[in-house]
Amino acid sequence: MTKADIVNEISKNTGIDKVTVLNTLEAFMATVKDSLSKNENVYLRGFGSFIVKKRAQKTARNITLNTTIIIPEHNIPSFKPAKTFTLAVKED
């Protein structure tokens, strides 16, 4: 399902015009991105959590140059579904 499909589905189910739904969806995604970039997790009860995970520093190899490189520690975004979300997906 694409973002356009989501907008169409919400618009059809609620009767709200597609432009308003698209703007709302874009604002939601921008808010989640801003929160995660500030290391603030986003919790949506019954749906899941958008969280920031810290990846530790590690040593890797560049096989073309046959050298060792160090990848510094960094943050990555992650999604952890709620238990009810997981159970609903398992049942279908």
C-alpha atoms as a PDB file:
ATOM      1  CA  MET A   1       0.000   0.000   0.000  1.00  0.00           C
ATOM      2  CA  THR A   2       1.393   3.388  -0.981  1.00  0.00           C
ATOM      3  CA  LYS A   3       0.834   6.790   0.580  1.00  0.00           C
ATOM      4  CA  ALA A   4      -1.652   7.604  -2.200  1.00  0.00           C
ATOM      5  CA  ASP A   5      -3.569   4.406  -1.417  1.00  0.00           C
ATOM      6  CA  ILE A   6      -3.704   5.354   2.262  1.00  0.00           C
ATOM      7  CA  VAL A   7      -4.977   8.846   1.398  1.00  0.00           C
ATOM      8  CA  ASN A   8      -7.652   7.383  -0.888  1.00  0.00           C
ATOM      9  CA  GLU A   9      -8.770   4.855   1.751  1.00  0.00           C
ATOM     10  CA  ILE A  10      -9.006   7.440   4.546  1.00  0.00           C
ATOM     11  CA  SER A  11     -10.818   9.874   2.264  1.00  0.00           C
ATOM     12  CA  LYS A  12     -13.309   7.203   1.213  1.00  0.00           C
ATOM     13  CA  ASN A  13     -13.945   6.034   4.807  1.00  0.00           C
ATOM     14  CA  THR A  14     -14.262   9.472   6.412  1.00  0.00           C
ATOM     15  CA  GLY A  15     -15.658  11.650   3.619  1.00  0.00           C
ATOM     16  CA  ILE A  16     -12.836  14.185   4.067  1.00  0.00           C
ATOM     17  CA  ASP A  17     -11.373  15.492   0.812  1.00  0.00           C
ATOM     18  CA  LYS A  18      -8.088  13.990  -0.359  1.00  0.00           C
ATOM     19  CA  VAL A  19      -6.089  17.233  -0.141  1.00  0.00           C
ATOM     20  CA  THR A  20      -6.899  17.632   3.557  1.00  0.00           C
ATOM     21  CA  VAL A  21      -6.069  13.986   4.261  1.00  0.00           C
ATOM     22  CA  LEU A  22      -2.771  14.287   2.357  1.00  0.00           C
ATOM     23  CA  ASN A  23      -1.797  17.452   4.260  1.00  0.00           C
ATOM     24  CA  THR A  24      -2.654  15.777   7.573  1.00  0.00           C
ATOM     25  CA  LEU A  25      -0.645  12.673   6.692  1.00  0.00           C
ATOM     26  CA  GLU A  26       2.343  14.783   5.594  1.00  0.00           C
ATOM     27  CA  ALA A  27       2.160  16.782   8.843  1.00  0.00           C
ATOM     28  CA  PHE A  28       2.030  13.549  10.875  1.00  0.00           C
ATOM     29  CA  MET A  29       5.102  12.144   9.124  1.00  0.00           C
ATOM     30  CA  ALA A  30       6.987  15.428   9.523  1.00  0.00           C
ATOM     31  CA  THR A  31       6.162  15.491  13.248  1.00  0.00           C
ATOM     32  CA  VAL A  32       7.395  11.915  13.716  1.00  0.00           C
ATOM     33  CA  LYS A  33      10.625  12.682  11.804  1.00  0.00           C
ATOM     34  CA  ASP A  34      11.233  15.842  13.854  1.00  0.00           C
ATOM     35  CA  SER A  35      10.661  14.022  17.127  1.00  0.00           C
ATOM     36  CA  LEU A  36      12.993  11.169  16.203  1.00  0.00           C
ATOM     37  CA  SER A  37      15.684  13.585  15.036  1.00  0.00           C
ATOM     38  CA  LYS A  38      15.517  15.159  18.523  1.00  0.00           C
ATOM     39  CA  ASN A  39      15.919  11.662  20.097  1.00  0.00           C
ATOM     40  CA  GLU A  40      12.302  11.732  21.307  1.00  0.00           C
ATOM     41  CA  ASN A  41      10.316   8.522  20.881  1.00  0.00           C
ATOM     42  CA  VAL A  42       6.729   8.604  19.563  1.00  0.00           C
ATOM     43  CA  TYR A  43       4.203   6.311  21.264  1.00  0.00           C
ATOM     44  CA  LEU A  44       0.845   5.561  19.607  1.00  0.00           C
ATOM     45  CA  ARG A  45      -1.272   3.420  21.946  1.00  0.00           C
ATOM     46  CA  GLY A  46      -2.717   0.412  20.171  1.00  0.00           C
ATOM     47  CA  PHE A  47      -0.538   0.927  17.087  1.00  0.00           C
ATOM     48  CA  GLY A  48       3.120   0.972  18.093  1.00  0.00           C
ATOM     49  CA  SER A  49       6.164   3.065  18.900  1.00  0.00           C
ATOM     50  CA  PHE A  50       8.601   4.893  16.679  1.00  0.00           C
ATOM     51  CA  ILE A  51      11.842   4.728  18.642  1.00  0.00           C
ATOM     52  CA  VAL A  52      15.460   5.762  18.245  1.00  0.00           C
ATOM     53  CA  LYS A  53      17.990   2.966  18.633  1.00  0.00           C
ATOM     54  CA  LYS A  54      21.680   3.539  19.208  1.00  0.00           C
ATOM     55  CA  ARG A  55      24.064   1.446  17.136  1.00  0.00           C
ATOM     56  CA  ALA A  56      27.410   0.874  18.825  1.00  0.00           C
ATOM     57  CA  GLN A  57      30.735   1.640  17.196  1.00  0.00           C
ATOM     58  CA  LYS A  58      32.066  -1.291  15.196  1.00  0.00           C
ATOM     59  CA  THR A  59      35.004  -2.316  13.088  1.00  0.00           C
ATOM     60  CA  ALA A  60      34.360  -3.261   9.472  1.00  0.00           C
ATOM     61  CA  ARG A  61      36.459  -4.139   6.442  1.00  0.00           C
ATOM     62  CA  ASN A  62      36.669  -2.472   3.062  1.00  0.00           C
ATOM     63  CA  ILE A  63      37.315  -5.577   0.976  1.00  0.00           C
ATOM     64  CA  THR A  64      38.259  -3.700  -2.197  1.00  0.00           C
ATOM     65  CA  LEU A  65      41.096  -1.835  -0.466  1.00  0.00           C
ATOM     66  CA  ASN A  66      41.730  -4.578   2.124  1.00  0.00           C
ATOM     67  CA  THR A  67      41.640  -2.061   4.963  1.00  0.00           C
ATOM     68  CA  THR A  68      39.884  -1.877   8.303  1.00  0.00           C
ATOM     69  CA  ILE A  69      37.512   1.008   8.955  1.00  0.00           C
ATOM     70  CA  ILE A  70      35.708   2.096  12.094  1.00  0.00           C
ATOM     71  CA  ILE A  71      32.023   2.857  11.828  1.00  0.00           C
ATOM     72  CA  PRO A  72      31.160   5.328  14.599  1.00  0.00           C
ATOM     73  CA  GLU A  73      28.181   4.881  16.903  1.00  0.00           C
ATOM     74  CA  HIS A  74      25.009   6.364  15.462  1.00  0.00           C
ATOM     75  CA  ASN A  75      21.238   6.476  15.922  1.00  0.00           C
ATOM     76  CA  ILE A  76      18.724   4.742  13.675  1.00  0.00           C
ATOM     77  CA  PRO A  77      14.917   4.969  13.603  1.00  0.00           C
ATOM     78  CA  SER A  78      12.931   1.857  14.416  1.00  0.00           C
ATOM     79  CA  PHE A  79       9.285   0.816  14.733  1.00  0.00           C
ATOM     80  CA  LYS A  80       8.008  -1.534  17.417  1.00  0.00           C
ATOM     81  CA  PRO A  81       4.388  -2.609  16.872  1.00  0.00           C
ATOM     82  CA  ALA A  82       1.967  -2.767  19.794  1.00  0.00           C
ATOM     83  CA  LYS A  83       0.878  -6.165  21.044  1.00  0.00           C
ATOM     84  CA  THR A  84      -2.679  -5.660  19.746  1.00  0.00           C
ATOM     85  CA  PHE A  85      -1.262  -4.680  16.333  1.00  0.00           C
ATOM     86  CA  THR A  86       0.901  -7.824  16.225  1.00  0.00           C
ATOM     87  CA  LEU A  87      -1.996 -10.068  17.252  1.00  0.00           C
ATOM     88  CA  ALA A  88      -4.284  -8.546  14.604  1.00  0.00           C
ATOM     89  CA  VAL A  89      -1.722  -9.213  11.878  1.00  0.00           C
ATOM     90  CA  LYS A  90      -1.178 -12.804  13.068  1.00  0.00           C
ATOM     91  CA  GLU A  91      -4.911 -13.546  12.980  1.00  0.00           C
ATOM     92  CA  ASP A  92      -5.401 -12.370   9.374  1.00  0.00           C
END
